[in-house]
Every structure is written in C-alpha cells, then in structure tokens.
C-alpha cells in the first residue's frame, strides 16, 4: 500500500530542506509519495538533484506565491533517469 506524506519545510534555509527530506524519506517505503512545500529558492534544484542521486523520482514541482511545491516518489526511477546517472 502506497502512503502519502507531507513535509512542511517553509522558512528553512539551505541545507535544511534537503536534510528534512532525507530524514523523512528514511521513514518511508519504496513507492511512497512525499509532498514537500518550502520557501528557499535553492530547494528546487537541491531536492531535484538529491532525488536523482539517491534514486527517487521527482514527480512534479511548481512555484506558487513564493512557495515551492514538490512531489517525490520514494525509490523509483524512470528509465530516462537511470540513463542519466
């Protein structure tokens, strides 16, 4: 069963958003979904790179009124992502 979790990393500055994501992902299972909201502009590229390096799939990301929303699937890479590593 896939679970959906949320992480509020608003008002945290680099590197804390990535650290919080890493801590939360350790509690989840392969295939689970983590929804993240943060305000640090660098988080979008940092978390995206962290996902690619650690084998997670960034399903979506968008910015709305200074907040960054990202959805990560734990431990799942697409074929094109595997070829990039």
C-alpha atoms as a PDB file:
ATOM      1  CA  UNK A   1       0.000   0.000   0.000  1.00  0.00           C
ATOM      2  CA  UNK A   2       1.428   3.361  -1.036  1.00  0.00           C
ATOM      3  CA  UNK A   3       1.275   6.065   1.611  1.00  0.00           C
ATOM      4  CA  UNK A   4       1.190   9.814   1.069  1.00  0.00           C
ATOM      5  CA  UNK A   5       3.128  12.033   3.480  1.00  0.00           C
ATOM      6  CA  UNK A   6       3.630  15.774   3.709  1.00  0.00           C
ATOM      7  CA  UNK A   7       6.663  17.780   4.752  1.00  0.00           C
ATOM      8  CA  UNK A   8       6.490  21.463   5.619  1.00  0.00           C
ATOM      9  CA  UNK A   9       9.968  22.922   5.092  1.00  0.00           C
ATOM     10  CA  UNK A  10       8.847  26.541   4.824  1.00  0.00           C
ATOM     11  CA  UNK A  11      11.178  29.147   6.317  1.00  0.00           C
ATOM     12  CA  UNK A  12      14.082  26.670   6.424  1.00  0.00           C
ATOM     13  CA  UNK A  13      17.272  27.696   4.636  1.00  0.00           C
ATOM     14  CA  UNK A  14      19.783  25.547   2.785  1.00  0.00           C
ATOM     15  CA  UNK A  15      20.726  22.834   3.563  1.00  0.00           C
ATOM     16  CA  UNK A  16      17.855  22.153   5.988  1.00  0.00           C
ATOM     17  CA  UNK A  17      15.091  21.438   3.406  1.00  0.00           C
ATOM     18  CA  UNK A  18      17.161  18.658   1.805  1.00  0.00           C
ATOM     19  CA  UNK A  19      18.115  17.271   5.219  1.00  0.00           C
ATOM     20  CA  UNK A  20      14.451  17.186   6.291  1.00  0.00           C
ATOM     21  CA  UNK A  21      13.502  15.416   3.041  1.00  0.00           C
ATOM     22  CA  UNK A  22      16.264  12.863   3.579  1.00  0.00           C
ATOM     23  CA  UNK A  23      15.139  12.223   7.167  1.00  0.00           C
ATOM     24  CA  UNK A  24      11.505  11.771   6.114  1.00  0.00           C
ATOM     25  CA  UNK A  25      12.330   9.502   3.168  1.00  0.00           C
ATOM     26  CA  UNK A  26      14.197   7.156   5.539  1.00  0.00           C
ATOM     27  CA  UNK A  27      10.838   6.562   7.275  1.00  0.00           C
ATOM     28  CA  UNK A  28       9.020   5.734   4.024  1.00  0.00           C
ATOM     29  CA  UNK A  29       8.874   2.680   1.769  1.00  0.00           C
ATOM     30  CA  UNK A  30       9.694   2.327  -1.912  1.00  0.00           C
ATOM     31  CA  UNK A  31       6.830   3.745  -3.954  1.00  0.00           C
ATOM     32  CA  UNK A  32       5.515   6.035  -1.198  1.00  0.00           C
ATOM     33  CA  UNK A  33       4.749   9.662  -2.068  1.00  0.00           C
ATOM     34  CA  UNK A  34       6.173  12.674  -0.218  1.00  0.00           C
ATOM     35  CA  UNK A  35       4.670  16.115  -0.828  1.00  0.00           C
ATOM     36  CA  UNK A  36       7.031  18.936   0.121  1.00  0.00           C
ATOM     37  CA  UNK A  37       6.421  22.658   0.486  1.00  0.00           C
ATOM     38  CA  UNK A  38       9.337  25.035   1.054  1.00  0.00           C
ATOM     39  CA  UNK A  39      10.298  28.660   0.575  1.00  0.00           C
ATOM     40  CA  UNK A  40      14.067  28.517   0.000  1.00  0.00           C
ATOM     41  CA  UNK A  41      14.609  29.180  -3.730  1.00  0.00           C
ATOM     42  CA  UNK A  42      17.559  26.802  -3.902  1.00  0.00           C
ATOM     43  CA  UNK A  43      15.446  23.908  -2.654  1.00  0.00           C
ATOM     44  CA  UNK A  44      14.005  23.194  -6.077  1.00  0.00           C
ATOM     45  CA  UNK A  45      17.370  22.425  -7.646  1.00  0.00           C
ATOM     46  CA  UNK A  46      18.815  20.906  -4.440  1.00  0.00           C
ATOM     47  CA  UNK A  47      15.975  18.450  -3.862  1.00  0.00           C
ATOM     48  CA  UNK A  48      15.775  17.621  -7.563  1.00  0.00           C
ATOM     49  CA  UNK A  49      19.489  16.744  -7.609  1.00  0.00           C
ATOM     50  CA  UNK A  50      19.202  14.815  -4.346  1.00  0.00           C
ATOM     51  CA  UNK A  51      16.366  12.717  -5.823  1.00  0.00           C
ATOM     52  CA  UNK A  52      18.372  11.942  -8.951  1.00  0.00           C
ATOM     53  CA  UNK A  53      21.478  10.950  -6.976  1.00  0.00           C
ATOM     54  CA  UNK A  54      19.601   8.799  -4.446  1.00  0.00           C
ATOM     55  CA  UNK A  55      17.201   7.020  -6.802  1.00  0.00           C
ATOM     56  CA  UNK A  56      13.943   8.856  -6.144  1.00  0.00           C
ATOM     57  CA  UNK A  57      11.538  10.288  -8.725  1.00  0.00           C
ATOM     58  CA  UNK A  58      10.563  13.957  -8.653  1.00  0.00           C
ATOM     59  CA  UNK A  59       7.004  13.644  -9.964  1.00  0.00           C
ATOM     60  CA  UNK A  60       6.146  17.331 -10.032  1.00  0.00           C
ATOM     61  CA  UNK A  61       7.280  20.760  -8.945  1.00  0.00           C
ATOM     62  CA  UNK A  62       5.811  24.225  -9.187  1.00  0.00           C
ATOM     63  CA  UNK A  63       6.073  27.623  -7.549  1.00  0.00           C
ATOM     64  CA  UNK A  64       3.021  29.472  -6.285  1.00  0.00           C
ATOM     65  CA  UNK A  65       3.249  32.785  -4.431  1.00  0.00           C
ATOM     66  CA  UNK A  66       6.844  32.307  -3.219  1.00  0.00           C
ATOM     67  CA  UNK A  67       6.242  28.726  -2.111  1.00  0.00           C
ATOM     68  CA  UNK A  68       7.767  25.730  -3.872  1.00  0.00           C
ATOM     69  CA  UNK A  69       5.689  22.567  -4.081  1.00  0.00           C
ATOM     70  CA  UNK A  70       7.327  19.253  -4.962  1.00  0.00           C
ATOM     71  CA  UNK A  71       6.061  15.694  -5.100  1.00  0.00           C
ATOM     72  CA  UNK A  72       8.604  12.884  -4.749  1.00  0.00           C
ATOM     73  CA  UNK A  73       8.077   9.159  -5.191  1.00  0.00           C
ATOM     74  CA  UNK A  74      10.477   7.212  -2.994  1.00  0.00           C
ATOM     75  CA  UNK A  75      12.945   4.832  -4.606  1.00  0.00           C
ATOM     76  CA  UNK A  76      11.510   4.819  -8.108  1.00  0.00           C
ATOM     77  CA  UNK A  77      13.449   5.996 -11.156  1.00  0.00           C
ATOM     78  CA  UNK A  78      12.136   6.250 -14.686  1.00  0.00           C
ATOM     79  CA  UNK A  79      14.192   4.622 -17.464  1.00  0.00           C
ATOM     80  CA  UNK A  80      15.414   8.013 -18.737  1.00  0.00           C
ATOM     81  CA  UNK A  81      16.558   8.987 -15.237  1.00  0.00           C
ATOM     82  CA  UNK A  82      18.511   5.736 -14.873  1.00  0.00           C
ATOM     83  CA  UNK A  83      20.324   6.506 -18.117  1.00  0.00           C
ATOM     84  CA  UNK A  84      21.350   9.958 -16.813  1.00  0.00           C
ATOM     85  CA  UNK A  85      23.191   8.537 -13.786  1.00  0.00           C
END
